[in-house]
Amino acid sequence: MSVDAVNAGLLGLRLVLGLVFIAHGVKHFLNRQKTINWTASIGFKSPAIQWAFMTFAEVGIGIGLTLGLLTSFAAAGLVAMMVVAYWTVHRAAGFWVSARPDEGYEYVLVLVVAAVALAIMGPGEWSVDDALDIATSLDQGVGALIVAGGLVAAVLQLATFYRPTSE
């Protein structure tokens, strides 16, 4: 496989993940009160803080992934957010995303696996990380450790803010 094919694949993966996250962040930004009400309804205390965190983290993660800037850290942020989403919303519905009303976790799982793969493989040569000559310092085992830090962040967020009324 050619180097350009690998770089094109990594760019495509980064763009899809990044643009999905930017779109989610913009959606939350434009629907502030609705998002605040929703986070409160699923058991988060301080829903306005959750709105701000969710909105700006999703946009920041999306920008990082799209540009290939601190890619493993952006991937860790994506993993953290999707672990929280899985635990608070999607796990009760089972696997299938079409399981209404809460939707299953298949979509969340695909995003997590794609982000972990990107953190391990690195962003490719067509990235800001590569231009800054830091791409190979943040991939492979280091990328996996950074993503593990995202898991710790998810657990801390859940422990600090998640207080469901019933499970």
C-alpha atoms as a PDB file:
ATOM      1  CA  MET A   1       0.000   0.000   0.000  1.00  0.00           C
ATOM      2  CA  SER A   2       1.341   3.413  -0.885  1.00  0.00           C
ATOM      3  CA  VAL A   3       2.118   6.080   1.690  1.00  0.00           C
ATOM      4  CA  ASP A   4      -0.351   8.409  -0.041  1.00  0.00           C
ATOM      5  CA  ALA A   5      -3.127   5.816   0.300  1.00  0.00           C
ATOM      6  CA  VAL A   6      -2.457   5.498   4.040  1.00  0.00           C
ATOM      7  CA  ASN A   7      -2.372   9.291   4.437  1.00  0.00           C
ATOM      8  CA  ALA A   8      -5.606   9.655   2.468  1.00  0.00           C
ATOM      9  CA  GLY A   9      -7.275   7.032   4.665  1.00  0.00           C
ATOM     10  CA  LEU A  10      -6.108   8.700   7.875  1.00  0.00           C
ATOM     11  CA  LEU A  11      -7.200  12.107   6.574  1.00  0.00           C
ATOM     12  CA  GLY A  12     -10.624  10.718   5.716  1.00  0.00           C
ATOM     13  CA  LEU A  13     -10.964   9.167   9.163  1.00  0.00           C
ATOM     14  CA  ARG A  14      -9.912  12.398  10.869  1.00  0.00           C
ATOM     15  CA  LEU A  15     -12.278  14.501   8.754  1.00  0.00           C
ATOM     16  CA  VAL A  16     -15.311  12.306   9.412  1.00  0.00           C
ATOM     17  CA  LEU A  17     -14.688  12.076  13.154  1.00  0.00           C
ATOM     18  CA  GLY A  18     -13.798  15.751  13.411  1.00  0.00           C
ATOM     19  CA  LEU A  19     -16.723  17.079  11.419  1.00  0.00           C
ATOM     20  CA  VAL A  20     -19.180  14.858  13.304  1.00  0.00           C
ATOM     21  CA  PHE A  21     -17.910  16.283  16.579  1.00  0.00           C
ATOM     22  CA  ILE A  22     -17.953  19.880  15.349  1.00  0.00           C
ATOM     23  CA  ALA A  23     -21.546  19.372  14.165  1.00  0.00           C
ATOM     24  CA  HIS A  24     -22.578  17.984  17.553  1.00  0.00           C
ATOM     25  CA  GLY A  25     -20.939  20.886  19.360  1.00  0.00           C
ATOM     26  CA  VAL A  26     -22.626  23.452  17.119  1.00  0.00           C
ATOM     27  CA  LYS A  27     -25.975  21.695  17.614  1.00  0.00           C
ATOM     28  CA  HIS A  28     -25.567  21.911  21.393  1.00  0.00           C
ATOM     29  CA  PHE A  29     -24.474  25.549  21.158  1.00  0.00           C
ATOM     30  CA  LEU A  30     -27.523  26.520  19.092  1.00  0.00           C
ATOM     31  CA  ASN A  31     -29.883  24.576  21.369  1.00  0.00           C
ATOM     32  CA  ARG A  32     -28.520  25.674  24.735  1.00  0.00           C
ATOM     33  CA  GLN A  33     -31.663  25.430  26.852  1.00  0.00           C
ATOM     34  CA  LYS A  34     -32.813  22.205  25.236  1.00  0.00           C
ATOM     35  CA  THR A  35     -29.394  20.637  25.902  1.00  0.00           C
ATOM     36  CA  ILE A  36     -29.387  21.903  29.497  1.00  0.00           C
ATOM     37  CA  ASN A  37     -32.847  20.425  30.075  1.00  0.00           C
ATOM     38  CA  TRP A  38     -31.795  17.138  28.493  1.00  0.00           C
ATOM     39  CA  THR A  39     -28.605  16.778  30.574  1.00  0.00           C
ATOM     40  CA  ALA A  40     -30.647  17.442  33.725  1.00  0.00           C
ATOM     41  CA  SER A  41     -33.254  14.881  32.656  1.00  0.00           C
ATOM     42  CA  ILE A  42     -30.694  12.094  32.257  1.00  0.00           C
ATOM     43  CA  GLY A  43     -29.186  12.680  35.699  1.00  0.00           C
ATOM     44  CA  PHE A  44     -26.418  15.249  35.455  1.00  0.00           C
ATOM     45  CA  LYS A  45     -26.069  17.807  38.192  1.00  0.00           C
ATOM     46  CA  SER A  46     -24.926  21.274  37.090  1.00  0.00           C
ATOM     47  CA  PRO A  47     -26.517  20.919  33.643  1.00  0.00           C
ATOM     48  CA  ALA A  48     -25.397  24.381  32.514  1.00  0.00           C
ATOM     49  CA  ILE A  49     -21.795  23.386  33.211  1.00  0.00           C
ATOM     50  CA  GLN A  50     -22.404  20.157  31.305  1.00  0.00           C
ATOM     51  CA  TRP A  51     -23.776  22.173  28.368  1.00  0.00           C
ATOM     52  CA  ALA A  52     -20.674  24.380  28.271  1.00  0.00           C
ATOM     53  CA  PHE A  53     -18.301  21.456  28.647  1.00  0.00           C
ATOM     54  CA  MET A  54     -20.089  19.353  26.057  1.00  0.00           C
ATOM     55  CA  THR A  55     -20.424  22.160  23.530  1.00  0.00           C
ATOM     56  CA  PHE A  56     -16.899  23.514  23.626  1.00  0.00           C
ATOM     57  CA  ALA A  57     -15.201  20.139  24.111  1.00  0.00           C
ATOM     58  CA  GLU A  58     -16.982  18.706  21.071  1.00  0.00           C
ATOM     59  CA  VAL A  59     -15.989  21.670  18.909  1.00  0.00           C
ATOM     60  CA  GLY A  60     -12.394  21.593  20.187  1.00  0.00           C
ATOM     61  CA  ILE A  61     -12.087  17.835  19.737  1.00  0.00           C
ATOM     62  CA  GLY A  62     -13.540  18.165  16.249  1.00  0.00           C
ATOM     63  CA  ILE A  63     -11.100  20.893  15.265  1.00  0.00           C
ATOM     64  CA  GLY A  64      -8.161  18.909  16.641  1.00  0.00           C
ATOM     65  CA  LEU A  65      -9.159  15.787  14.732  1.00  0.00           C
ATOM     66  CA  THR A  66      -9.940  17.655  11.512  1.00  0.00           C
ATOM     67  CA  LEU A  67      -6.593  19.439  11.488  1.00  0.00           C
ATOM     68  CA  GLY A  68      -4.627  16.545  12.930  1.00  0.00           C
ATOM     69  CA  LEU A  69      -3.565  18.795  15.805  1.00  0.00           C
ATOM     70  CA  LEU A  70      -2.657  16.986  19.039  1.00  0.00           C
ATOM     71  CA  THR A  71      -4.546  14.120  17.477  1.00  0.00           C
ATOM     72  CA  SER A  72      -4.104  11.574  20.270  1.00  0.00           C
ATOM     73  CA  PHE A  73      -5.401  14.087  22.817  1.00  0.00           C
ATOM     74  CA  ALA A  74      -8.397  14.864  20.613  1.00  0.00           C
ATOM     75  CA  ALA A  75      -9.007  11.128  20.240  1.00  0.00           C
ATOM     76  CA  ALA A  76      -8.807  10.758  24.030  1.00  0.00           C
ATOM     77  CA  GLY A  77     -11.412  13.513  24.390  1.00  0.00           C
ATOM     78  CA  LEU A  78     -13.674  11.748  21.915  1.00  0.00           C
ATOM     79  CA  VAL A  79     -13.287   8.471  23.812  1.00  0.00           C
ATOM     80  CA  ALA A  80     -14.034  10.199  27.119  1.00  0.00           C
ATOM     81  CA  MET A  81     -17.194  11.809  25.780  1.00  0.00           C
ATOM     82  CA  MET A  82     -18.417   8.607  24.162  1.00  0.00           C
ATOM     83  CA  VAL A  83     -17.794   6.565  27.313  1.00  0.00           C
ATOM     84  CA  VAL A  84     -19.925   9.076  29.229  1.00  0.00           C
ATOM     85  CA  ALA A  85     -22.579   8.928  26.485  1.00  0.00           C
ATOM     86  CA  TYR A  86     -22.529   5.133  26.575  1.00  0.00           C
ATOM     87  CA  TRP A  87     -22.876   4.966  30.345  1.00  0.00           C
ATOM     88  CA  THR A  88     -25.540   7.642  30.723  1.00  0.00           C
ATOM     89  CA  VAL A  89     -27.736   7.082  27.664  1.00  0.00           C
ATOM     90  CA  HIS A  90     -26.914   4.230  25.323  1.00  0.00           C
ATOM     91  CA  ARG A  91     -26.079   1.135  27.404  1.00  0.00           C
ATOM     92  CA  ALA A  92     -29.634   0.588  28.651  1.00  0.00           C
ATOM     93  CA  ALA A  93     -30.955   0.421  25.070  1.00  0.00           C
ATOM     94  CA  GLY A  94     -28.600  -2.383  24.019  1.00  0.00           C
ATOM     95  CA  PHE A  95     -26.497  -2.625  20.897  1.00  0.00           C
ATOM     96  CA  TRP A  96     -28.739  -1.362  18.102  1.00  0.00           C
ATOM     97  CA  VAL A  97     -28.800   2.377  17.463  1.00  0.00           C
ATOM     98  CA  SER A  98     -32.335   1.976  16.119  1.00  0.00           C
ATOM     99  CA  ALA A  99     -33.617   0.911  19.569  1.00  0.00           C
ATOM    100  CA  ARG A 100     -35.783   3.886  20.497  1.00  0.00           C
ATOM    101  CA  PRO A 101     -36.235   5.998  22.561  1.00  0.00           C
ATOM    102  CA  ASP A 102     -32.618   6.157  23.783  1.00  0.00           C
ATOM    103  CA  GLU A 103     -30.782   4.504  20.888  1.00  0.00           C
ATOM    104  CA  GLY A 104     -28.257   1.727  21.329  1.00  0.00           C
ATOM    105  CA  TYR A 105     -24.518   1.963  21.553  1.00  0.00           C
ATOM    106  CA  GLU A 106     -23.333   0.726  18.143  1.00  0.00           C
ATOM    107  CA  TYR A 107     -22.617   4.283  16.895  1.00  0.00           C
ATOM    108  CA  VAL A 108     -20.770   5.199  20.093  1.00  0.00           C
ATOM    109  CA  LEU A 109     -18.717   1.999  19.814  1.00  0.00           C
ATOM    110  CA  VAL A 110     -17.717   2.740  16.204  1.00  0.00           C
ATOM    111  CA  LEU A 111     -16.611   6.276  17.134  1.00  0.00           C
ATOM    112  CA  VAL A 112     -14.537   4.970  20.057  1.00  0.00           C
ATOM    113  CA  VAL A 113     -12.816   2.248  18.031  1.00  0.00           C
ATOM    114  CA  ALA A 114     -12.061   4.712  15.204  1.00  0.00           C
ATOM    115  CA  ALA A 115     -10.597   7.223  17.673  1.00  0.00           C
ATOM    116  CA  VAL A 116      -8.442   4.587  19.387  1.00  0.00           C
ATOM    117  CA  ALA A 117      -7.180   3.394  16.003  1.00  0.00           C
ATOM    118  CA  LEU A 118      -6.322   6.960  15.039  1.00  0.00           C
ATOM    119  CA  ALA A 119      -4.462   7.566  18.315  1.00  0.00           C
ATOM    120  CA  ILE A 120      -2.420   4.394  17.803  1.00  0.00           C
ATOM    121  CA  MET A 121      -1.748   4.848  14.057  1.00  0.00           C
ATOM    122  CA  GLY A 122      -1.215   8.599  14.285  1.00  0.00           C
ATOM    123  CA  PRO A 123      -2.714  11.353  12.137  1.00  0.00           C
ATOM    124  CA  GLY A 124      -0.626  10.712   9.050  1.00  0.00           C
ATOM    125  CA  GLU A 125       1.671  13.019   7.118  1.00  0.00           C
ATOM    126  CA  TRP A 126      -1.180  15.304   6.060  1.00  0.00           C
ATOM    127  CA  SER A 127      -1.638  16.776   9.525  1.00  0.00           C
ATOM    128  CA  VAL A 128      -0.545  19.682  11.678  1.00  0.00           C
ATOM    129  CA  ASP A 129       1.078  17.184  14.064  1.00  0.00           C
ATOM    130  CA  ASP A 130       3.326  15.979  11.253  1.00  0.00           C
ATOM    131  CA  ALA A 131       4.143  19.552  10.192  1.00  0.00           C
ATOM    132  CA  LEU A 132       5.132  20.283  13.813  1.00  0.00           C
ATOM    133  CA  ASP A 133       7.181  17.047  13.850  1.00  0.00           C
ATOM    134  CA  ILE A 134       5.276  15.663  16.857  1.00  0.00           C
ATOM    135  CA  ALA A 135       3.094  13.049  15.151  1.00  0.00           C
ATOM    136  CA  THR A 136       5.380  10.085  15.843  1.00  0.00           C
ATOM    137  CA  SER A 137       5.885  11.226  19.443  1.00  0.00           C
ATOM    138  CA  LEU A 138       2.148  10.938  20.145  1.00  0.00           C
ATOM    139  CA  ASP A 139       1.147   7.730  18.348  1.00  0.00           C
ATOM    140  CA  GLN A 140       1.494   3.986  18.974  1.00  0.00           C
ATOM    141  CA  GLY A 141       1.908   3.142  22.675  1.00  0.00           C
ATOM    142  CA  VAL A 142       1.941   6.787  23.701  1.00  0.00           C
ATOM    143  CA  GLY A 143      -1.318   7.330  21.805  1.00  0.00           C
ATOM    144  CA  ALA A 144      -2.865   4.356  23.597  1.00  0.00           C
ATOM    145  CA  LEU A 145      -1.763   5.749  26.972  1.00  0.00           C
ATOM    146  CA  ILE A 146      -3.208   9.159  26.116  1.00  0.00           C
ATOM    147  CA  VAL A 147      -6.521   7.488  25.235  1.00  0.00           C
ATOM    148  CA  ALA A 148      -6.386   5.628  28.562  1.00  0.00           C
ATOM    149  CA  GLY A 149      -6.210   9.070  30.159  1.00  0.00           C
ATOM    150  CA  GLY A 150      -9.463   9.843  28.361  1.00  0.00           C
ATOM    151  CA  LEU A 151     -11.049   6.838  30.056  1.00  0.00           C
ATOM    152  CA  VAL A 152      -9.913   8.166  33.427  1.00  0.00           C
ATOM    153  CA  ALA A 153     -11.413  11.574  32.571  1.00  0.00           C
ATOM    154  CA  ALA A 154     -14.736   9.903  31.711  1.00  0.00           C
ATOM    155  CA  VAL A 155     -14.822   8.076  35.045  1.00  0.00           C
ATOM    156  CA  LEU A 156     -14.018  11.303  36.888  1.00  0.00           C
ATOM    157  CA  GLN A 157     -16.757  13.208  35.072  1.00  0.00           C
ATOM    158  CA  LEU A 158     -19.301  10.505  35.848  1.00  0.00           C
ATOM    159  CA  ALA A 159     -18.218  10.321  39.486  1.00  0.00           C
ATOM    160  CA  THR A 160     -18.408  14.095  39.864  1.00  0.00           C
ATOM    161  CA  PHE A 161     -21.544  15.003  37.926  1.00  0.00           C
ATOM    162  CA  TYR A 162     -23.718  11.974  37.171  1.00  0.00           C
ATOM    163  CA  ARG A 163     -26.524  11.395  39.656  1.00  0.00           C
ATOM    164  CA  PRO A 164     -29.327   9.437  37.973  1.00  0.00           C
ATOM    165  CA  THR A 165     -32.618   9.258  39.838  1.00  0.00           C
ATOM    166  CA  SER A 166     -33.123   5.632  38.825  1.00  0.00           C
ATOM    167  CA  GLU A 167     -31.209   3.018  36.832  1.00  0.00           C
END
